[in-house]
Every structure is written in C-alpha cells, then in structure tokens.
Amino acid sequence: MKLSARNVLKGRVVGIDRGQVTAVVRVDIGGGNVITSSITLAALQDLGLRDGSQVCAVIKASEVLLGVEE
C-alpha cells in the first residue's frame, strides 16, 4: 500500500474501548507515547484489530494546534 500521507507511525494496539457505533483504539508508538484513534466498529472488525495487533497510524491533517500552560 502506498499513501500520500507522510506522517506514518508504527505501533502496537494496547487497548480497545468499544462503544455502540465506534471504538477508541490506543496505540503504543514507543518511547512511552500512546496515541488514540476513533474508528467505526465495522472498521475494527474489517481490520481484525485486537490487543497486540501491529498497526500503522496514518495522520493526515491540514493543521496542527499547539498549546502552553498559562
């Protein structure tokens, strides 16, 4: 698979919280960093995701917001 997105982070699924329509998937990308992705339950099933699954998180965004503590 080739993608135009350049922000691809390899990781391992470390948790899945299923809702009625979507699931929140936690992915450990190393270095103590965990990112989350909200996907449909259909996508979860199609991808066959489970704890321990190896995945690539593909991030495509038009902007990145930054914040600082006041």
Foldseek 3Di string as FASTA:
>chain_A
DDDPFPDKAKFFWADWADDPFWIWTWTDRDPPDIDIDIDTPVVCVVVVDDGGDIDIDGDDDPDDDDDDDD
